[in-house]
């Protein structure tokens, strides 16, 4: 038996995933998620300074692909716009004509399912996004589906949890004010053609595997 690496097939599959999920397409910088995640990365994405790595392509494809097959046929994914911000939940159900739609997010993660009920286990970015969606749709409720790809790192796996979050109006108002501050930072950076200060406009964990980390380090070195 002889086995050799087929790099041509490898590239063909990766290019298919990139095209299928439009992973190199520049997105307008006014999506709700833009103001939830790192503003420096959002700026650099607009400049397309670094293309996504193969690992990022595969992770995106896993998330998008599983979302496609796990979305029920009676769900829809409408696009909402408010105050110049574009918001699209992963899926929406309409329980009846007189009720507010059920907003739903679907997340895949390699975190352990053992920690599902631990305080602070749900990433703040997920909560920021859900609260932003609630604010835009004038509701306080959001459903979250989490598919733990690795389960609890012991058979059986994977595992799925579905939770409903009920937010207070105070939480929604405070989160919306925070997102507006993030929006101001990014808008000013885009207008001034200079990225927001690296490592200051994001959560710490976002930098760990970010494709722009070296660029940010270079910017910080130049600043000082």
N, C-alpha and C. Protein backbone atom coordinates (compact mmCIF):
# COMPACT_ATOMS: atom_id res chain seq x y z
N UNK A 1 0.84 -1.20 0.00
CA UNK A 1 0.00 0.00 0.00
C UNK A 1 0.87 1.24 0.00
N UNK A 2 0.44 2.23 -0.77
CA UNK A 2 1.15 3.50 -0.81
C UNK A 2 0.17 4.63 -0.51
N UNK A 3 0.58 5.55 0.31
CA UNK A 3 -0.28 6.68 0.65
C UNK A 3 0.50 7.98 0.52
N UNK A 4 -0.06 8.93 -0.21
CA UNK A 4 0.59 10.23 -0.39
C UNK A 4 -0.45 11.31 -0.12
N UNK A 5 0.03 12.44 0.32
CA UNK A 5 -0.86 13.56 0.60
C UNK A 5 -1.42 14.14 -0.70
N UNK A 6 -2.74 14.37 -0.72
CA UNK A 6 -3.39 14.93 -1.90
C UNK A 6 -3.71 16.39 -1.62
N UNK A 7 -2.71 17.24 -1.80
CA UNK A 7 -2.88 18.66 -1.49
C UNK A 7 -3.84 19.34 -2.45
N UNK A 8 -3.93 18.84 -3.68
CA UNK A 8 -4.85 19.42 -4.66
C UNK A 8 -6.31 19.24 -4.22
N UNK A 9 -6.64 18.04 -3.75
CA UNK A 9 -8.00 17.77 -3.26
C UNK A 9 -8.28 18.58 -1.99
N UNK A 10 -7.27 18.68 -1.14
CA UNK A 10 -7.40 19.46 0.09
C UNK A 10 -7.79 20.90 -0.22
N UNK A 11 -7.09 21.50 -1.20
CA UNK A 11 -7.37 22.88 -1.59
C UNK A 11 -8.73 23.02 -2.25
N UNK A 12 -9.10 22.00 -3.03
CA UNK A 12 -10.39 22.02 -3.71
C UNK A 12 -11.54 22.06 -2.70
N UNK A 13 -11.44 21.25 -1.66
CA UNK A 13 -12.48 21.22 -0.63
C UNK A 13 -12.53 22.53 0.13
N UNK A 14 -11.38 23.05 0.52
CA UNK A 14 -11.34 24.31 1.24
C UNK A 14 -11.90 25.46 0.41
N UNK A 15 -11.54 25.49 -0.87
CA UNK A 15 -12.07 26.54 -1.76
C UNK A 15 -13.58 26.41 -1.92
N UNK A 16 -14.06 25.19 -1.94
CA UNK A 16 -15.51 24.98 -2.02
C UNK A 16 -16.21 25.55 -0.78
N UNK A 17 -15.65 25.30 0.39
CA UNK A 17 -16.24 25.81 1.62
C UNK A 17 -16.21 27.33 1.66
N UNK A 18 -15.09 27.91 1.19
CA UNK A 18 -14.96 29.36 1.15
C UNK A 18 -16.04 29.97 0.26
N UNK A 19 -16.27 29.34 -0.91
CA UNK A 19 -17.28 29.83 -1.84
C UNK A 19 -18.69 29.57 -1.31
N UNK A 20 -18.91 28.39 -0.74
CA UNK A 20 -20.23 28.00 -0.26
C UNK A 20 -20.74 28.95 0.81
N UNK A 21 -19.86 29.34 1.72
CA UNK A 21 -20.27 30.19 2.84
C UNK A 21 -19.74 31.62 2.73
N UNK A 22 -19.23 31.96 1.55
CA UNK A 22 -18.81 33.33 1.25
C UNK A 22 -17.86 33.89 2.32
N UNK A 23 -16.87 33.09 2.67
CA UNK A 23 -16.00 33.42 3.79
C UNK A 23 -14.98 34.52 3.47
N UNK A 24 -14.81 34.85 2.20
CA UNK A 24 -13.90 35.93 1.85
C UNK A 24 -14.64 37.19 1.42
N UNK A 25 -15.96 37.13 1.50
CA UNK A 25 -16.76 38.28 1.09
C UNK A 25 -16.73 39.36 2.16
N UNK A 26 -16.46 40.58 1.73
CA UNK A 26 -16.45 41.70 2.68
C UNK A 26 -17.88 42.04 3.06
N UNK A 27 -18.15 42.06 4.36
CA UNK A 27 -19.49 42.36 4.84
C UNK A 27 -19.56 43.81 5.31
N UNK A 28 -20.70 44.43 5.06
CA UNK A 28 -20.87 45.80 5.51
C UNK A 28 -20.66 45.89 7.02
N UNK A 29 -19.97 46.94 7.51
CA UNK A 29 -19.62 47.02 8.94
C UNK A 29 -20.74 47.57 9.82
N UNK A 30 -21.97 47.14 9.57
CA UNK A 30 -23.07 47.63 10.39
C UNK A 30 -23.97 46.51 10.88
N UNK A 31 -23.42 45.32 10.96
CA UNK A 31 -24.17 44.20 11.49
C UNK A 31 -24.08 44.21 13.02
N UNK A 32 -25.12 43.71 13.64
CA UNK A 32 -25.14 43.68 15.11
C UNK A 32 -23.92 42.98 15.67
N UNK A 33 -23.52 41.87 15.06
CA UNK A 33 -22.36 41.12 15.56
C UNK A 33 -21.07 41.93 15.45
N UNK A 34 -21.04 42.88 14.51
CA UNK A 34 -19.85 43.73 14.37
C UNK A 34 -19.58 44.51 15.64
N UNK A 35 -20.63 44.93 16.32
CA UNK A 35 -20.49 45.74 17.52
C UNK A 35 -20.41 44.89 18.78
N UNK A 36 -20.57 43.58 18.62
CA UNK A 36 -20.45 42.65 19.76
C UNK A 36 -19.01 42.19 19.91
N UNK A 37 -18.39 41.88 18.77
CA UNK A 37 -17.04 41.33 18.80
C UNK A 37 -15.98 42.43 18.61
N UNK A 38 -14.74 42.03 18.49
CA UNK A 38 -13.61 42.96 18.45
C UNK A 38 -13.76 44.02 17.36
N UNK A 39 -13.70 45.27 17.78
CA UNK A 39 -13.82 46.37 16.81
C UNK A 39 -12.56 46.52 15.95
N UNK A 40 -11.40 46.19 16.50
CA UNK A 40 -10.16 46.24 15.71
C UNK A 40 -10.23 45.20 14.58
N UNK A 41 -10.67 44.01 14.90
CA UNK A 41 -10.82 42.97 13.88
C UNK A 41 -11.84 43.38 12.83
N UNK A 42 -12.94 43.99 13.27
CA UNK A 42 -13.97 44.44 12.33
C UNK A 42 -13.39 45.44 11.34
N UNK A 43 -12.55 46.33 11.85
CA UNK A 43 -11.90 47.33 10.98
C UNK A 43 -10.97 46.63 9.98
N UNK A 44 -10.12 45.73 10.48
CA UNK A 44 -9.17 45.05 9.60
C UNK A 44 -9.87 44.15 8.61
N UNK A 45 -11.01 43.58 8.99
CA UNK A 45 -11.79 42.78 8.05
C UNK A 45 -12.23 43.62 6.85
N UNK A 46 -12.57 44.88 7.13
CA UNK A 46 -12.98 45.77 6.05
C UNK A 46 -11.83 46.03 5.08
N UNK A 47 -10.62 46.02 5.61
CA UNK A 47 -9.44 46.26 4.79
C UNK A 47 -8.92 44.97 4.15
N UNK A 48 -9.46 43.82 4.62
CA UNK A 48 -9.07 42.50 4.11
C UNK A 48 -7.55 42.34 4.07
N UNK A 49 -6.94 42.67 5.20
CA UNK A 49 -5.48 42.62 5.26
C UNK A 49 -4.94 41.19 5.36
N UNK A 50 -5.72 40.28 5.93
CA UNK A 50 -5.29 38.89 6.07
C UNK A 50 -6.49 37.98 5.77
N UNK A 51 -6.28 36.98 4.93
CA UNK A 51 -7.36 36.06 4.61
C UNK A 51 -7.52 35.03 5.73
N UNK A 52 -8.72 34.45 5.87
CA UNK A 52 -8.94 33.44 6.92
C UNK A 52 -8.03 32.24 6.71
N UNK A 53 -7.54 31.70 7.82
CA UNK A 53 -6.70 30.50 7.76
C UNK A 53 -7.55 29.29 7.40
N UNK A 54 -6.89 28.20 7.03
CA UNK A 54 -7.61 26.97 6.73
C UNK A 54 -8.40 26.50 7.94
N UNK A 55 -7.84 26.65 9.12
CA UNK A 55 -8.52 26.23 10.34
C UNK A 55 -9.78 27.06 10.57
N UNK A 56 -9.69 28.38 10.31
CA UNK A 56 -10.86 29.23 10.46
C UNK A 56 -11.95 28.84 9.46
N UNK A 57 -11.55 28.55 8.24
CA UNK A 57 -12.50 28.13 7.21
C UNK A 57 -13.25 26.88 7.67
N UNK A 58 -12.52 25.91 8.20
CA UNK A 58 -13.15 24.66 8.64
C UNK A 58 -14.08 24.89 9.83
N UNK A 59 -13.67 25.75 10.77
CA UNK A 59 -14.52 26.02 11.93
C UNK A 59 -15.80 26.74 11.52
N UNK A 60 -15.67 27.71 10.63
CA UNK A 60 -16.86 28.40 10.11
C UNK A 60 -17.78 27.41 9.41
N UNK A 61 -17.19 26.54 8.59
CA UNK A 61 -17.98 25.58 7.82
C UNK A 61 -18.72 24.61 8.73
N UNK A 62 -18.07 24.18 9.80
CA UNK A 62 -18.73 23.28 10.75
C UNK A 62 -19.96 23.96 11.34
N UNK A 63 -19.78 25.22 11.76
CA UNK A 63 -20.88 25.94 12.36
C UNK A 63 -22.02 26.18 11.38
N UNK A 64 -21.69 26.69 10.19
CA UNK A 64 -22.72 26.97 9.19
C UNK A 64 -23.39 25.68 8.69
N UNK A 65 -22.58 24.65 8.47
CA UNK A 65 -23.12 23.40 7.96
C UNK A 65 -24.09 22.74 8.93
N UNK A 66 -23.70 22.70 10.21
CA UNK A 66 -24.58 22.10 11.21
C UNK A 66 -25.85 22.94 11.39
N UNK A 67 -25.70 24.26 11.28
CA UNK A 67 -26.88 25.12 11.38
C UNK A 67 -27.86 24.80 10.25
N UNK A 68 -27.33 24.56 9.05
CA UNK A 68 -28.18 24.25 7.91
C UNK A 68 -29.00 22.98 8.15
N UNK A 69 -28.35 21.94 8.64
CA UNK A 69 -29.05 20.66 8.80
C UNK A 69 -29.90 20.60 10.06
N UNK A 70 -29.62 21.46 11.05
CA UNK A 70 -30.37 21.43 12.30
C UNK A 70 -31.53 22.42 12.35
N UNK A 71 -31.66 23.25 11.33
CA UNK A 71 -32.74 24.23 11.32
C UNK A 71 -34.02 23.57 10.82
N UNK A 72 -35.08 23.55 11.64
CA UNK A 72 -36.34 22.93 11.20
C UNK A 72 -36.95 23.65 10.00
N UNK A 73 -37.77 22.95 9.25
CA UNK A 73 -38.34 23.50 8.03
C UNK A 73 -39.32 24.65 8.31
N UNK A 74 -39.90 24.65 9.52
CA UNK A 74 -40.87 25.72 9.82
C UNK A 74 -40.19 26.96 10.40
N UNK A 75 -38.87 26.97 10.42
CA UNK A 75 -38.13 28.15 10.90
C UNK A 75 -37.70 29.00 9.72
N UNK A 76 -37.54 30.29 9.97
CA UNK A 76 -37.06 31.22 8.95
C UNK A 76 -35.92 32.03 9.55
N UNK A 77 -35.17 32.72 8.70
CA UNK A 77 -34.06 33.55 9.18
C UNK A 77 -34.19 34.94 8.55
N UNK A 78 -35.12 35.75 9.05
CA UNK A 78 -35.34 37.07 8.46
C UNK A 78 -34.21 38.04 8.82
N UNK A 79 -34.11 39.10 8.06
CA UNK A 79 -33.13 40.16 8.31
C UNK A 79 -33.89 41.39 8.81
N UNK A 80 -33.46 41.91 9.96
CA UNK A 80 -34.10 43.08 10.54
C UNK A 80 -33.13 44.26 10.46
N UNK A 81 -33.66 45.45 10.32
CA UNK A 81 -32.84 46.66 10.31
C UNK A 81 -33.47 47.71 11.23
N UNK A 82 -32.61 48.33 12.03
CA UNK A 82 -33.07 49.38 12.93
C UNK A 82 -31.91 50.32 13.22
N UNK A 83 -32.16 51.62 13.09
CA UNK A 83 -31.13 52.62 13.37
C UNK A 83 -29.83 52.36 12.62
N UNK A 84 -29.97 51.85 11.40
CA UNK A 84 -28.79 51.59 10.58
C UNK A 84 -28.05 50.31 10.92
N UNK A 85 -28.60 49.50 11.82
CA UNK A 85 -27.96 48.24 12.22
C UNK A 85 -28.73 47.07 11.62
N UNK A 86 -27.99 46.12 11.06
CA UNK A 86 -28.57 44.92 10.47
C UNK A 86 -28.46 43.77 11.46
N UNK A 87 -29.55 43.06 11.65
CA UNK A 87 -29.57 41.95 12.61
C UNK A 87 -30.29 40.76 11.99
N UNK A 88 -29.68 39.59 12.10
CA UNK A 88 -30.29 38.37 11.58
C UNK A 88 -30.11 37.24 12.59
N UNK A 89 -31.17 36.80 13.24
CA UNK A 89 -31.05 35.65 14.15
C UNK A 89 -30.82 34.37 13.34
N UNK A 90 -30.29 33.34 14.00
CA UNK A 90 -30.06 32.09 13.30
C UNK A 90 -31.36 31.48 12.80
N UNK A 91 -32.41 31.60 13.60
CA UNK A 91 -33.72 31.12 13.18
C UNK A 91 -34.81 31.80 13.99
N UNK A 92 -36.00 31.83 13.42
CA UNK A 92 -37.15 32.46 14.06
C UNK A 92 -38.36 31.55 13.86
N UNK A 93 -39.15 31.40 14.92
CA UNK A 93 -40.42 30.69 14.82
C UNK A 93 -41.55 31.68 15.09
N UNK A 94 -42.64 31.52 14.38
CA UNK A 94 -43.81 32.36 14.60
C UNK A 94 -44.91 31.51 15.24
N UNK A 95 -45.03 31.58 16.59
CA UNK A 95 -46.00 30.74 17.29
C UNK A 95 -47.44 31.04 16.90
N UNK A 96 -47.77 32.30 16.62
CA UNK A 96 -49.10 32.69 16.15
C UNK A 96 -49.00 34.10 15.60
N UNK A 97 -50.04 34.55 14.94
CA UNK A 97 -50.01 35.86 14.30
C UNK A 97 -50.00 37.00 15.31
N UNK A 98 -50.42 36.74 16.55
CA UNK A 98 -50.51 37.83 17.51
C UNK A 98 -49.36 37.85 18.50
N UNK A 99 -48.50 36.83 18.48
CA UNK A 99 -47.40 36.75 19.42
C UNK A 99 -46.10 37.23 18.78
N UNK A 100 -45.19 37.67 19.64
CA UNK A 100 -43.86 38.05 19.16
C UNK A 100 -43.11 36.79 18.73
N UNK A 101 -42.36 36.89 17.66
CA UNK A 101 -41.63 35.75 17.14
C UNK A 101 -40.62 35.23 18.18
N UNK A 102 -40.34 33.93 18.12
CA UNK A 102 -39.33 33.33 18.98
C UNK A 102 -37.97 33.46 18.31
N UNK A 103 -37.07 34.23 18.92
CA UNK A 103 -35.72 34.39 18.39
C UNK A 103 -34.85 33.24 18.89
N UNK A 104 -34.06 32.67 18.01
CA UNK A 104 -33.26 31.49 18.37
C UNK A 104 -31.84 31.63 17.82
N UNK A 105 -30.85 31.35 18.66
CA UNK A 105 -29.47 31.23 18.21
C UNK A 105 -29.03 29.77 18.35
N UNK A 106 -28.19 29.32 17.42
CA UNK A 106 -27.64 27.97 17.47
C UNK A 106 -26.12 28.10 17.49
N UNK A 107 -25.50 27.53 18.51
CA UNK A 107 -24.05 27.61 18.65
C UNK A 107 -23.46 26.21 18.73
N UNK A 108 -22.30 26.04 18.09
CA UNK A 108 -21.52 24.82 18.26
C UNK A 108 -20.26 25.18 19.02
N UNK A 109 -19.82 24.30 19.88
CA UNK A 109 -18.65 24.62 20.70
C UNK A 109 -17.89 23.35 21.05
N UNK A 110 -16.60 23.54 21.30
CA UNK A 110 -15.76 22.44 21.77
C UNK A 110 -15.60 22.48 23.28
N UNK A 111 -16.29 23.43 23.93
CA UNK A 111 -16.27 23.46 25.40
C UNK A 111 -16.93 22.20 25.95
N UNK A 112 -16.62 21.89 27.19
CA UNK A 112 -17.20 20.71 27.82
C UNK A 112 -18.63 20.98 28.26
N UNK A 113 -19.52 20.04 28.00
CA UNK A 113 -20.91 20.16 28.43
C UNK A 113 -21.04 20.07 29.95
N UNK A 114 -20.00 19.59 30.62
CA UNK A 114 -20.05 19.49 32.08
C UNK A 114 -20.25 20.85 32.73
N UNK A 115 -19.80 21.90 32.05
CA UNK A 115 -19.85 23.24 32.64
C UNK A 115 -21.09 24.03 32.24
N UNK A 116 -22.03 23.35 31.59
CA UNK A 116 -23.17 24.09 31.01
C UNK A 116 -23.90 24.97 32.02
N UNK A 117 -24.09 24.47 33.22
CA UNK A 117 -24.87 25.21 34.21
C UNK A 117 -23.99 26.03 35.16
N UNK A 118 -22.70 26.08 34.91
CA UNK A 118 -21.84 26.88 35.77
C UNK A 118 -22.03 28.38 35.48
N UNK A 119 -21.95 29.21 36.52
CA UNK A 119 -22.04 30.67 36.31
C UNK A 119 -20.96 31.14 35.34
N UNK A 120 -21.32 32.07 34.48
CA UNK A 120 -20.39 32.69 33.53
C UNK A 120 -19.91 31.72 32.45
N UNK A 121 -20.59 30.58 32.29
CA UNK A 121 -20.17 29.63 31.27
C UNK A 121 -20.54 30.13 29.86
N UNK A 122 -21.68 30.78 29.75
CA UNK A 122 -22.12 31.30 28.45
C UNK A 122 -21.28 32.52 28.09
N UNK A 123 -20.59 32.53 26.96
CA UNK A 123 -19.74 33.67 26.58
C UNK A 123 -20.54 34.98 26.57
N UNK A 124 -19.91 36.04 27.02
CA UNK A 124 -20.58 37.33 27.08
C UNK A 124 -20.96 37.80 25.69
N UNK A 125 -20.20 37.44 24.68
CA UNK A 125 -20.54 37.84 23.32
C UNK A 125 -21.88 37.25 22.88
N UNK A 126 -22.15 36.01 23.27
CA UNK A 126 -23.44 35.41 22.94
C UNK A 126 -24.57 36.19 23.60
N UNK A 127 -24.37 36.52 24.87
CA UNK A 127 -25.40 37.26 25.60
C UNK A 127 -25.58 38.66 25.02
N UNK A 128 -24.46 39.33 24.69
CA UNK A 128 -24.54 40.66 24.09
C UNK A 128 -25.38 40.63 22.82
N UNK A 129 -25.15 39.62 22.00
CA UNK A 129 -25.87 39.52 20.73
C UNK A 129 -27.34 39.25 20.95
N UNK A 130 -27.64 38.33 21.85
CA UNK A 130 -29.04 38.00 22.12
C UNK A 130 -29.79 39.20 22.71
N UNK A 131 -29.14 39.91 23.63
CA UNK A 131 -29.79 41.09 24.21
C UNK A 131 -29.97 42.18 23.16
N UNK A 132 -29.01 42.31 22.25
CA UNK A 132 -29.15 43.28 21.17
C UNK A 132 -30.33 42.93 20.28
N UNK A 133 -30.48 41.66 19.98
CA UNK A 133 -31.61 41.21 19.17
C UNK A 133 -32.93 41.45 19.87
N UNK A 134 -32.96 41.17 21.17
CA UNK A 134 -34.18 41.42 21.96
C UNK A 134 -34.55 42.90 21.91
N UNK A 135 -33.56 43.75 22.07
CA UNK A 135 -33.83 45.19 22.06
C UNK A 135 -34.41 45.62 20.72
N UNK A 136 -33.83 45.11 19.64
CA UNK A 136 -34.29 45.51 18.31
C UNK A 136 -35.68 44.98 18.00
N UNK A 137 -36.04 43.84 18.57
CA UNK A 137 -37.34 43.24 18.28
C UNK A 137 -38.36 43.50 19.38
N UNK A 138 -37.97 44.31 20.38
CA UNK A 138 -38.89 44.68 21.45
C UNK A 138 -39.45 43.46 22.18
N UNK A 139 -38.54 42.56 22.54
CA UNK A 139 -38.91 41.38 23.31
C UNK A 139 -37.84 41.16 24.37
N UNK A 140 -38.13 40.36 25.36
CA UNK A 140 -37.17 40.09 26.43
C UNK A 140 -36.70 38.64 26.44
N UNK A 141 -37.17 37.87 25.47
CA UNK A 141 -36.91 36.43 25.49
C UNK A 141 -36.09 36.01 24.28
N UNK A 142 -35.15 35.11 24.54
CA UNK A 142 -34.32 34.57 23.46
C UNK A 142 -34.00 33.11 23.77
N UNK A 143 -34.11 32.24 22.77
CA UNK A 143 -33.79 30.82 22.94
C UNK A 143 -32.39 30.54 22.40
N UNK A 144 -31.66 29.70 23.10
CA UNK A 144 -30.29 29.36 22.71
C UNK A 144 -30.13 27.85 22.63
N UNK A 145 -29.65 27.39 21.48
CA UNK A 145 -29.35 25.97 21.28
C UNK A 145 -27.83 25.83 21.26
N UNK A 146 -27.30 24.98 22.11
CA UNK A 146 -25.85 24.74 22.13
C UNK A 146 -25.58 23.28 21.82
N UNK A 147 -24.81 23.05 20.77
CA UNK A 147 -24.38 21.70 20.43
C UNK A 147 -22.93 21.55 20.89
N UNK A 148 -22.74 20.75 21.94
CA UNK A 148 -21.40 20.48 22.45
C UNK A 148 -20.79 19.35 21.62
N UNK A 149 -19.89 19.70 20.72
CA UNK A 149 -19.35 18.73 19.79
C UNK A 149 -18.59 17.61 20.49
N UNK A 150 -17.93 17.96 21.61
CA UNK A 150 -17.14 16.97 22.34
C UNK A 150 -17.88 16.43 23.57
N UNK A 151 -19.13 16.83 23.74
CA UNK A 151 -19.88 16.39 24.92
C UNK A 151 -19.17 16.78 26.20
N UNK A 152 -18.99 15.84 27.09
CA UNK A 152 -18.25 16.11 28.32
C UNK A 152 -16.89 15.41 28.29
N UNK A 153 -16.39 15.19 27.06
CA UNK A 153 -15.11 14.54 26.81
C UNK A 153 -15.10 13.08 27.24
N UNK A 154 -16.27 12.50 27.38
CA UNK A 154 -16.39 11.06 27.66
C UNK A 154 -17.68 10.59 27.02
N UNK A 155 -17.73 9.36 26.50
CA UNK A 155 -18.96 8.87 25.86
C UNK A 155 -20.13 8.93 26.84
N UNK A 156 -21.37 9.18 26.39
CA UNK A 156 -21.70 9.44 24.98
C UNK A 156 -21.53 10.91 24.62
N UNK A 157 -21.22 11.20 23.38
CA UNK A 157 -21.12 12.56 22.88
C UNK A 157 -21.52 12.55 21.41
N UNK A 158 -21.88 13.64 20.82
CA UNK A 158 -22.00 15.00 21.37
C UNK A 158 -23.27 15.14 22.22
N UNK A 159 -23.48 16.35 22.77
CA UNK A 159 -24.65 16.64 23.57
C UNK A 159 -25.27 17.96 23.14
N UNK A 160 -26.57 18.09 23.33
CA UNK A 160 -27.27 19.31 22.96
C UNK A 160 -28.08 19.82 24.15
N UNK A 161 -28.03 21.14 24.34
CA UNK A 161 -28.81 21.81 25.38
C UNK A 161 -29.59 22.95 24.73
N UNK A 162 -30.84 23.10 25.13
CA UNK A 162 -31.67 24.21 24.66
C UNK A 162 -32.18 24.97 25.88
N UNK A 163 -31.86 26.26 25.95
CA UNK A 163 -32.25 27.09 27.08
C UNK A 163 -33.02 28.31 26.59
N UNK A 164 -33.88 28.84 27.45
CA UNK A 164 -34.58 30.09 27.18
C UNK A 164 -34.09 31.14 28.16
N UNK A 165 -33.68 32.28 27.63
CA UNK A 165 -33.20 33.40 28.45
C UNK A 165 -34.28 34.47 28.50
N UNK A 166 -34.48 35.01 29.68
CA UNK A 166 -35.42 36.12 29.89
C UNK A 166 -34.63 37.27 30.48
N UNK A 167 -34.50 38.35 29.74
CA UNK A 167 -33.70 39.49 30.15
C UNK A 167 -34.59 40.59 30.71
N UNK A 168 -34.04 41.35 31.67
CA UNK A 168 -34.77 42.50 32.20
C UNK A 168 -34.61 43.68 31.24
N UNK A 169 -35.50 44.64 31.33
CA UNK A 169 -35.39 45.82 30.49
C UNK A 169 -34.13 46.60 30.80
N UNK A 170 -33.74 46.59 32.06
CA UNK A 170 -32.50 47.28 32.45
C UNK A 170 -31.30 46.64 31.76
N UNK A 171 -31.25 45.32 31.72
CA UNK A 171 -30.15 44.62 31.05
C UNK A 171 -30.12 44.97 29.57
N UNK A 172 -31.29 45.00 28.95
CA UNK A 172 -31.37 45.29 27.52
C UNK A 172 -30.93 46.72 27.22
N UNK A 173 -31.36 47.66 28.06
CA UNK A 173 -31.00 49.06 27.86
C UNK A 173 -29.49 49.28 28.04
N UNK A 174 -28.93 48.68 29.08
CA UNK A 174 -27.50 48.84 29.34
C UNK A 174 -26.68 48.21 28.22
N UNK A 175 -27.09 47.04 27.76
CA UNK A 175 -26.36 46.38 26.68
C UNK A 175 -26.44 47.19 25.39
N UNK A 176 -27.61 47.75 25.10
CA UNK A 176 -27.75 48.54 23.88
C UNK A 176 -26.87 49.79 23.93
N UNK A 177 -26.80 50.41 25.10
CA UNK A 177 -25.93 51.58 25.26
C UNK A 177 -24.47 51.18 25.03
N UNK A 178 -24.07 50.02 25.52
CA UNK A 178 -22.71 49.53 25.32
C UNK A 178 -22.43 49.28 23.84
N UNK A 179 -23.38 48.67 23.15
CA UNK A 179 -23.19 48.41 21.73
C UNK A 179 -23.10 49.70 20.92
N UNK A 180 -23.84 50.71 21.35
CA UNK A 180 -23.76 52.01 20.67
C UNK A 180 -22.39 52.65 20.87
N UNK A 181 -21.80 52.44 22.04
CA UNK A 181 -20.44 52.94 22.29
C UNK A 181 -19.45 52.22 21.37
N UNK A 182 -19.62 50.90 21.24
CA UNK A 182 -18.76 50.13 20.34
C UNK A 182 -18.91 50.61 18.90
N UNK A 183 -20.15 50.92 18.53
CA UNK A 183 -20.42 51.41 17.18
C UNK A 183 -19.71 52.75 16.93
N UNK A 184 -19.74 53.61 17.92
CA UNK A 184 -19.08 54.91 17.79
C UNK A 184 -17.58 54.74 17.57
N UNK A 185 -16.97 53.80 18.30
CA UNK A 185 -15.53 53.53 18.16
C UNK A 185 -15.21 53.06 16.75
N UNK A 186 -15.98 52.10 16.26
CA UNK A 186 -15.70 51.55 14.93
C UNK A 186 -15.98 52.57 13.83
N UNK A 187 -17.08 53.29 13.94
CA UNK A 187 -17.40 54.31 12.93
C UNK A 187 -16.31 55.37 12.84
N UNK A 188 -15.79 55.80 14.00
CA UNK A 188 -14.73 56.80 14.02
C UNK A 188 -13.46 56.26 13.39
N UNK A 189 -13.17 54.99 13.64
CA UNK A 189 -11.97 54.37 13.06
C UNK A 189 -12.08 54.28 11.54
N UNK A 190 -13.24 53.87 11.06
CA UNK A 190 -13.44 53.76 9.62
C UNK A 190 -13.38 55.12 8.94
N UNK A 191 -13.93 56.12 9.62
CA UNK A 191 -13.89 57.48 9.07
C UNK A 191 -12.47 58.04 9.05
N UNK A 192 -11.69 57.72 10.09
CA UNK A 192 -10.33 58.23 10.19
C UNK A 192 -9.28 57.36 9.53
N UNK A 193 -9.71 56.19 9.00
CA UNK A 193 -8.80 55.28 8.30
C UNK A 193 -7.65 54.81 9.18
N UNK A 194 -7.97 54.57 10.47
CA UNK A 194 -6.97 54.01 11.37
C UNK A 194 -7.68 53.10 12.36
N UNK A 195 -7.16 51.88 12.60
CA UNK A 195 -7.87 50.89 13.41
C UNK A 195 -8.04 51.32 14.86
N UNK A 196 -9.11 50.87 15.52
CA UNK A 196 -9.26 51.09 16.96
C UNK A 196 -8.06 50.49 17.69
N UNK A 197 -7.72 51.04 18.83
CA UNK A 197 -6.53 50.59 19.55
C UNK A 197 -6.61 49.09 19.82
N UNK A 198 -5.60 48.34 19.38
CA UNK A 198 -5.61 46.89 19.58
C UNK A 198 -5.63 46.49 21.06
N UNK A 199 -6.25 45.37 21.33
CA UNK A 199 -6.33 44.75 22.65
C UNK A 199 -7.14 45.58 23.65
N UNK A 200 -7.76 46.67 23.19
CA UNK A 200 -8.55 47.53 24.08
C UNK A 200 -10.03 47.51 23.72
N UNK A 201 -10.35 46.96 22.58
CA UNK A 201 -11.74 47.00 22.08
C UNK A 201 -12.26 45.61 21.80
N UNK A 202 -12.01 44.73 22.74
CA UNK A 202 -12.42 43.33 22.57
C UNK A 202 -12.36 42.64 23.93
N UNK A 203 -12.85 41.40 23.95
CA UNK A 203 -12.66 40.55 25.12
C UNK A 203 -11.29 39.87 24.98
N UNK A 204 -10.63 39.61 26.08
CA UNK A 204 -9.26 39.08 26.05
C UNK A 204 -9.15 37.79 25.23
N UNK A 205 -10.14 36.90 25.37
CA UNK A 205 -10.04 35.61 24.70
C UNK A 205 -10.10 35.71 23.18
N UNK A 206 -10.62 36.82 22.66
CA UNK A 206 -10.74 36.96 21.21
C UNK A 206 -9.38 37.02 20.53
N UNK A 207 -8.36 37.43 21.25
CA UNK A 207 -7.03 37.60 20.65
C UNK A 207 -6.27 36.28 20.49
N UNK A 208 -6.67 35.25 21.22
CA UNK A 208 -5.87 34.04 21.33
C UNK A 208 -5.55 33.42 19.97
N UNK A 209 -6.55 33.23 19.14
CA UNK A 209 -6.32 32.60 17.84
C UNK A 209 -6.63 33.54 16.69
N UNK A 210 -6.64 34.83 16.95
CA UNK A 210 -7.02 35.79 15.92
C UNK A 210 -5.96 35.91 14.83
N UNK A 211 -6.38 35.94 13.59
CA UNK A 211 -5.45 36.03 12.46
C UNK A 211 -4.73 37.37 12.41
N UNK A 212 -5.27 38.37 13.13
CA UNK A 212 -4.68 39.70 13.11
C UNK A 212 -3.79 39.99 14.32
N UNK A 213 -3.52 38.99 15.13
CA UNK A 213 -2.78 39.24 16.37
C UNK A 213 -1.41 39.87 16.10
N UNK A 214 -0.70 39.36 15.11
CA UNK A 214 0.63 39.89 14.80
C UNK A 214 0.52 41.34 14.33
N UNK A 215 -0.50 41.64 13.53
CA UNK A 215 -0.70 43.01 13.07
C UNK A 215 -0.97 43.93 14.25
N UNK A 216 -1.81 43.49 15.17
CA UNK A 216 -2.12 44.30 16.35
C UNK A 216 -0.88 44.55 17.19
N UNK A 217 -0.05 43.51 17.36
CA UNK A 217 1.18 43.67 18.13
C UNK A 217 2.11 44.69 17.45
N UNK A 218 2.14 44.66 16.12
CA UNK A 218 2.97 45.61 15.38
C UNK A 218 2.46 47.04 15.56
N UNK A 219 1.14 47.20 15.55
CA UNK A 219 0.54 48.53 15.74
C UNK A 219 0.86 49.08 17.11
N UNK A 220 0.75 48.23 18.12
CA UNK A 220 1.01 48.65 19.50
C UNK A 220 2.48 49.04 19.66
N UNK A 221 3.38 48.26 19.04
CA UNK A 221 4.81 48.59 19.11
C UNK A 221 5.08 49.94 18.47
N UNK A 222 4.43 50.22 17.35
CA UNK A 222 4.62 51.51 16.67
C UNK A 222 4.06 52.67 17.50
N UNK A 223 3.01 52.38 18.29
CA UNK A 223 2.39 53.44 19.10
C UNK A 223 3.32 53.88 20.23
N UNK A 224 4.15 52.96 20.72
CA UNK A 224 4.98 53.26 21.87
C UNK A 224 6.46 53.24 21.52
